[in-house]
Amino acid sequence: MSEIIYIALPSPLINMGHIYQAAKLVDDAFAAGYFKNLLNEINCAWVALHNDKVIGWAAVTTENTNIKKGVLRCIAVHPEYRGCGIGRNLTKKRLKYLNDCDIIMSYAWVRPDGTCMSCRNLENFGFKLLLLDSDYYKNTRNNCKYCGSKCQCLARVYVKMRIE
């Protein structure tokens, strides 16, 4: 396989065609319109490219209150490239970006059939399951590909604390 490159956004190497591909990848994975809503909330994002095709997307947000909190947001890998380490590499980049955060949170989507694509990835990076949230996606994910208009999928909430 030729080289997969990872690019942080914004970048002059990414064009509108790439953004369209990323939007399709994310919306196909989660829900119609999810990508557009996500863009308004993120601080930084990465794409994985293979032969000029977007095969992965991942994003983060940060909050500065009395502690610096980072949140691993949406991650999507093209179905043909799953199991190739792309999700792991995108997560490494996100964690490096959030390196100075006191706490990092992530919400892992559990589909109605019980599968969770990112749970193992998070656990491999030292995240601990904090709680299960049955309402997390209800108000944030319209047009869920499994539930329809209001998502009723379960969220597994993970946390990783910085150890001094």
C-alpha atoms as a PDB file:
ATOM      1  CA  MET A   1       0.000   0.000   0.000  1.00  0.00           C
ATOM      2  CA  SER A   2       1.309   3.447  -0.839  1.00  0.00           C
ATOM      3  CA  GLU A   3       1.902   5.906   1.952  1.00  0.00           C
ATOM      4  CA  ILE A   4      -0.949   7.324   4.005  1.00  0.00           C
ATOM      5  CA  ILE A   5      -0.398  10.941   4.966  1.00  0.00           C
ATOM      6  CA  TYR A   6      -1.945  12.753   7.924  1.00  0.00           C
ATOM      7  CA  ILE A   7      -2.593  16.479   7.658  1.00  0.00           C
ATOM      8  CA  ALA A   8      -3.757  18.883  10.365  1.00  0.00           C
ATOM      9  CA  LEU A   9      -6.309  21.451   9.262  1.00  0.00           C
ATOM     10  CA  PRO A  10      -6.223  24.127   8.095  1.00  0.00           C
ATOM     11  CA  SER A  11      -3.613  23.284   5.494  1.00  0.00           C
ATOM     12  CA  PRO A  12      -2.931  24.441   1.940  1.00  0.00           C
ATOM     13  CA  LEU A  13      -2.586  20.739   1.063  1.00  0.00           C
ATOM     14  CA  ILE A  14      -6.316  20.235   1.649  1.00  0.00           C
ATOM     15  CA  ASN A  15      -8.729  21.525  -0.968  1.00  0.00           C
ATOM     16  CA  MET A  16     -12.509  21.779  -1.149  1.00  0.00           C
ATOM     17  CA  GLY A  17     -12.677  18.361  -2.796  1.00  0.00           C
ATOM     18  CA  HIS A  18     -11.011  16.873   0.279  1.00  0.00           C
ATOM     19  CA  ILE A  19     -13.444  18.694   2.578  1.00  0.00           C
ATOM     20  CA  TYR A  20     -16.362  17.318   0.547  1.00  0.00           C
ATOM     21  CA  GLN A  21     -14.903  13.791   0.849  1.00  0.00           C
ATOM     22  CA  ALA A  22     -14.438  14.253   4.614  1.00  0.00           C
ATOM     23  CA  ALA A  23     -18.037  15.457   4.973  1.00  0.00           C
ATOM     24  CA  LYS A  24     -19.330  12.426   3.094  1.00  0.00           C
ATOM     25  CA  LEU A  25     -17.175  10.058   5.165  1.00  0.00           C
ATOM     26  CA  VAL A  26     -18.397  11.529   8.468  1.00  0.00           C
ATOM     27  CA  ASP A  27     -22.048  11.861   7.444  1.00  0.00           C
ATOM     28  CA  ASP A  28     -22.086   8.297   6.082  1.00  0.00           C
ATOM     29  CA  ALA A  29     -20.607   7.021   9.337  1.00  0.00           C
ATOM     30  CA  PHE A  30     -22.838   8.942  11.755  1.00  0.00           C
ATOM     31  CA  ALA A  31     -25.762  10.991  10.458  1.00  0.00           C
ATOM     32  CA  ALA A  32     -26.706  13.303   7.627  1.00  0.00           C
ATOM     33  CA  GLY A  33     -25.534  16.837   8.387  1.00  0.00           C
ATOM     34  CA  TYR A  34     -23.284  15.779  11.272  1.00  0.00           C
ATOM     35  CA  PHE A  35     -20.096  17.099   9.634  1.00  0.00           C
ATOM     36  CA  LYS A  36     -21.491  20.615   9.103  1.00  0.00           C
ATOM     37  CA  ASN A  37     -22.545  20.890  12.756  1.00  0.00           C
ATOM     38  CA  LEU A  38     -19.183  19.540  13.895  1.00  0.00           C
ATOM     39  CA  LEU A  39     -17.224  22.208  12.011  1.00  0.00           C
ATOM     40  CA  ASN A  40     -18.721  24.940  14.186  1.00  0.00           C
ATOM     41  CA  GLU A  41     -17.449  23.290  17.370  1.00  0.00           C
ATOM     42  CA  ILE A  42     -13.934  21.971  16.739  1.00  0.00           C
ATOM     43  CA  ASN A  43     -10.545  23.533  17.460  1.00  0.00           C
ATOM     44  CA  CYS A  44      -8.452  21.282  15.261  1.00  0.00           C
ATOM     45  CA  ALA A  45      -8.970  18.380  12.866  1.00  0.00           C
ATOM     46  CA  TRP A  46      -6.886  15.933  10.844  1.00  0.00           C
ATOM     47  CA  VAL A  47      -7.474  14.060   7.640  1.00  0.00           C
ATOM     48  CA  ALA A  48      -5.805  10.868   6.494  1.00  0.00           C
ATOM     49  CA  LEU A  49      -5.160  10.769   2.749  1.00  0.00           C
ATOM     50  CA  HIS A  50      -4.303   7.807   0.547  1.00  0.00           C
ATOM     51  CA  ASN A  51      -3.769   8.527  -3.142  1.00  0.00           C
ATOM     52  CA  ASP A  52      -5.538  11.898  -2.714  1.00  0.00           C
ATOM     53  CA  LYS A  53      -8.608  10.184  -1.205  1.00  0.00           C
ATOM     54  CA  VAL A  54      -9.808  11.093   2.304  1.00  0.00           C
ATOM     55  CA  ILE A  55      -9.838   7.827   4.237  1.00  0.00           C
ATOM     56  CA  GLY A  56      -9.944   9.202   7.775  1.00  0.00           C
ATOM     57  CA  TRP A  57     -11.074  12.207   9.792  1.00  0.00           C
ATOM     58  CA  ALA A  58     -10.682  13.123  13.445  1.00  0.00           C
ATOM     59  CA  ALA A  59     -11.232  16.291  15.474  1.00  0.00           C
ATOM     60  CA  VAL A  60     -10.785  17.802  18.942  1.00  0.00           C
ATOM     61  CA  THR A  61     -12.190  20.617  21.044  1.00  0.00           C
ATOM     62  CA  THR A  62     -10.688  22.304  24.072  1.00  0.00           C
ATOM     63  CA  GLU A  63     -12.152  24.238  26.983  1.00  0.00           C
ATOM     64  CA  ASN A  64     -10.246  26.451  29.387  1.00  0.00           C
ATOM     65  CA  THR A  65     -11.946  26.898  32.729  1.00  0.00           C
ATOM     66  CA  ASN A  66     -10.140  26.297  36.006  1.00  0.00           C
ATOM     67  CA  ILE A  67      -8.652  23.205  34.323  1.00  0.00           C
ATOM     68  CA  LYS A  68      -7.745  22.639  30.705  1.00  0.00           C
ATOM     69  CA  LYS A  69     -10.115  20.084  29.229  1.00  0.00           C
ATOM     70  CA  GLY A  70      -9.784  18.424  25.843  1.00  0.00           C
ATOM     71  CA  VAL A  71     -12.423  16.398  24.073  1.00  0.00           C
ATOM     72  CA  LEU A  72     -11.736  13.842  21.371  1.00  0.00           C
ATOM     73  CA  ARG A  73     -14.531  14.509  18.918  1.00  0.00           C
ATOM     74  CA  CYS A  74     -15.638  12.642  15.852  1.00  0.00           C
ATOM     75  CA  ILE A  75     -13.345  10.045  14.313  1.00  0.00           C
ATOM     76  CA  ALA A  76     -14.253   8.218  11.130  1.00  0.00           C
ATOM     77  CA  VAL A  77     -12.265   5.771   9.006  1.00  0.00           C
ATOM     78  CA  HIS A  78     -13.367   4.662   5.549  1.00  0.00           C
ATOM     79  CA  PRO A  79     -14.707   1.080   5.771  1.00  0.00           C
ATOM     80  CA  GLU A  80     -12.143  -0.218   3.242  1.00  0.00           C
ATOM     81  CA  TYR A  81      -9.283   1.020   5.462  1.00  0.00           C
ATOM     82  CA  ARG A  82     -10.443  -0.115   8.882  1.00  0.00           C
ATOM     83  CA  GLY A  83      -7.995  -2.328  10.742  1.00  0.00           C
ATOM     84  CA  CYS A  84      -4.987  -0.630   9.121  1.00  0.00           C
ATOM     85  CA  GLY A  85      -4.057   1.567  12.114  1.00  0.00           C
ATOM     86  CA  ILE A  86      -5.568   4.784  10.743  1.00  0.00           C
ATOM     87  CA  GLY A  87      -7.818   5.352  13.768  1.00  0.00           C
ATOM     88  CA  ARG A  88      -4.871   4.684  16.079  1.00  0.00           C
ATOM     89  CA  ASN A  89      -2.670   7.172  14.186  1.00  0.00           C
ATOM     90  CA  LEU A  90      -5.389   9.836  14.165  1.00  0.00           C
ATOM     91  CA  THR A  91      -5.854   9.348  17.915  1.00  0.00           C
ATOM     92  CA  LYS A  92      -2.091   9.710  18.485  1.00  0.00           C
ATOM     93  CA  LYS A  93      -2.191  13.051  16.672  1.00  0.00           C
ATOM     94  CA  ARG A  94      -5.175  14.227  18.704  1.00  0.00           C
ATOM     95  CA  LEU A  95      -3.553  13.230  21.999  1.00  0.00           C
ATOM     96  CA  LYS A  96      -0.324  15.002  21.059  1.00  0.00           C
ATOM     97  CA  TYR A  97      -2.336  18.158  20.331  1.00  0.00           C
ATOM     98  CA  LEU A  98      -4.085  17.839  23.724  1.00  0.00           C
ATOM     99  CA  ASN A  99      -0.863  16.967  25.570  1.00  0.00           C
ATOM    100  CA  ASP A 100      -1.120  19.895  28.009  1.00  0.00           C
ATOM    101  CA  CYS A 101      -4.729  19.169  29.005  1.00  0.00           C
ATOM    102  CA  ASP A 102      -5.475  18.171  32.591  1.00  0.00           C
ATOM    103  CA  ILE A 103      -8.339  15.945  31.501  1.00  0.00           C
ATOM    104  CA  ILE A 104      -9.338  14.473  28.152  1.00  0.00           C
ATOM    105  CA  MET A 105     -12.833  13.173  27.530  1.00  0.00           C
ATOM    106  CA  SER A 106     -14.286  11.140  24.698  1.00  0.00           C
ATOM    107  CA  TYR A 107     -17.752   9.896  23.859  1.00  0.00           C
ATOM    108  CA  ALA A 108     -17.826   6.535  22.103  1.00  0.00           C
ATOM    109  CA  TRP A 109     -20.893   5.715  20.052  1.00  0.00           C
ATOM    110  CA  VAL A 110     -22.482   2.362  20.846  1.00  0.00           C
ATOM    111  CA  ARG A 111     -24.722   1.270  18.007  1.00  0.00           C
ATOM    112  CA  PRO A 112     -28.064  -0.483  18.655  1.00  0.00           C
ATOM    113  CA  ASP A 113     -26.427  -3.865  17.937  1.00  0.00           C
ATOM    114  CA  GLY A 114     -23.909  -3.196  20.762  1.00  0.00           C
ATOM    115  CA  THR A 115     -20.861  -2.537  18.580  1.00  0.00           C
ATOM    116  CA  CYS A 116     -18.537   0.317  19.483  1.00  0.00           C
ATOM    117  CA  MET A 117     -15.880   1.044  16.895  1.00  0.00           C
ATOM    118  CA  SER A 118     -13.758   3.358  19.050  1.00  0.00           C
ATOM    119  CA  CYS A 119     -14.032   1.766  22.502  1.00  0.00           C
ATOM    120  CA  ARG A 120     -11.003  -0.511  22.120  1.00  0.00           C
ATOM    121  CA  ASN A 121      -8.958   2.308  20.594  1.00  0.00           C
ATOM    122  CA  LEU A 122      -9.680   4.567  23.579  1.00  0.00           C
ATOM    123  CA  GLU A 123      -8.959   1.823  26.100  1.00  0.00           C
ATOM    124  CA  ASN A 124      -5.656   1.040  24.353  1.00  0.00           C
ATOM    125  CA  PHE A 125      -4.646   4.680  24.923  1.00  0.00           C
ATOM    126  CA  GLY A 126      -5.379   4.459  28.649  1.00  0.00           C
ATOM    127  CA  PHE A 127      -8.870   5.935  28.728  1.00  0.00           C
ATOM    128  CA  LYS A 128     -11.149   4.653  31.477  1.00  0.00           C
ATOM    129  CA  LEU A 129     -14.888   4.204  31.175  1.00  0.00           C
ATOM    130  CA  LEU A 130     -16.562   6.847  33.332  1.00  0.00           C
ATOM    131  CA  LEU A 131     -20.239   6.273  32.632  1.00  0.00           C
ATOM    132  CA  LEU A 132     -22.899   5.267  30.127  1.00  0.00           C
ATOM    133  CA  ASP A 133     -25.125   8.060  28.815  1.00  0.00           C
ATOM    134  CA  SER A 134     -28.370   7.166  27.062  1.00  0.00           C
ATOM    135  CA  ASP A 135     -29.235  10.810  26.293  1.00  0.00           C
ATOM    136  CA  TYR A 136     -25.946  12.159  24.894  1.00  0.00           C
ATOM    137  CA  TYR A 137     -26.793  11.874  21.197  1.00  0.00           C
ATOM    138  CA  LYS A 138     -30.517  12.634  21.490  1.00  0.00           C
ATOM    139  CA  ASN A 139     -30.151  16.392  21.019  1.00  0.00           C
ATOM    140  CA  THR A 140     -26.950  16.445  18.992  1.00  0.00           C
ATOM    141  CA  ARG A 141     -27.455  13.845  16.303  1.00  0.00           C
ATOM    142  CA  ASN A 142     -30.480  14.233  14.068  1.00  0.00           C
ATOM    143  CA  ASN A 143     -30.982  11.752  11.259  1.00  0.00           C
ATOM    144  CA  CYS A 144     -29.057   8.938  12.951  1.00  0.00           C
ATOM    145  CA  LYS A 145     -28.475   6.203  10.396  1.00  0.00           C
ATOM    146  CA  TYR A 146     -29.867   3.653  12.878  1.00  0.00           C
ATOM    147  CA  CYS A 147     -32.517   5.519  14.899  1.00  0.00           C
ATOM    148  CA  GLY A 148     -33.907   8.031  12.440  1.00  0.00           C
ATOM    149  CA  SER A 149     -34.709  11.580  13.490  1.00  0.00           C
ATOM    150  CA  LYS A 150     -33.621  11.546  17.161  1.00  0.00           C
ATOM    151  CA  CYS A 151     -30.689   9.328  18.046  1.00  0.00           C
ATOM    152  CA  GLN A 152     -31.265   6.958  20.941  1.00  0.00           C
ATOM    153  CA  CYS A 153     -27.889   5.224  20.717  1.00  0.00           C
ATOM    154  CA  LEU A 154     -25.849   4.829  23.876  1.00  0.00           C
ATOM    155  CA  ALA A 155     -22.677   6.837  24.530  1.00  0.00           C
ATOM    156  CA  ARG A 156     -19.805   5.405  26.542  1.00  0.00           C
ATOM    157  CA  VAL A 157     -18.088   8.338  28.244  1.00  0.00           C
ATOM    158  CA  TYR A 158     -14.334   7.877  28.638  1.00  0.00           C
ATOM    159  CA  VAL A 159     -11.824   9.961  30.573  1.00  0.00           C
ATOM    160  CA  LYS A 160      -8.054  10.218  30.774  1.00  0.00           C
ATOM    161  CA  MET A 161      -6.378  12.343  33.443  1.00  0.00           C
ATOM    162  CA  ARG A 162      -2.927  13.860  33.155  1.00  0.00           C
ATOM    163  CA  ILE A 163      -0.603  12.306  35.672  1.00  0.00           C
ATOM    164  CA  GLU A 164       2.009  14.731  37.008  1.00  0.00           C
END
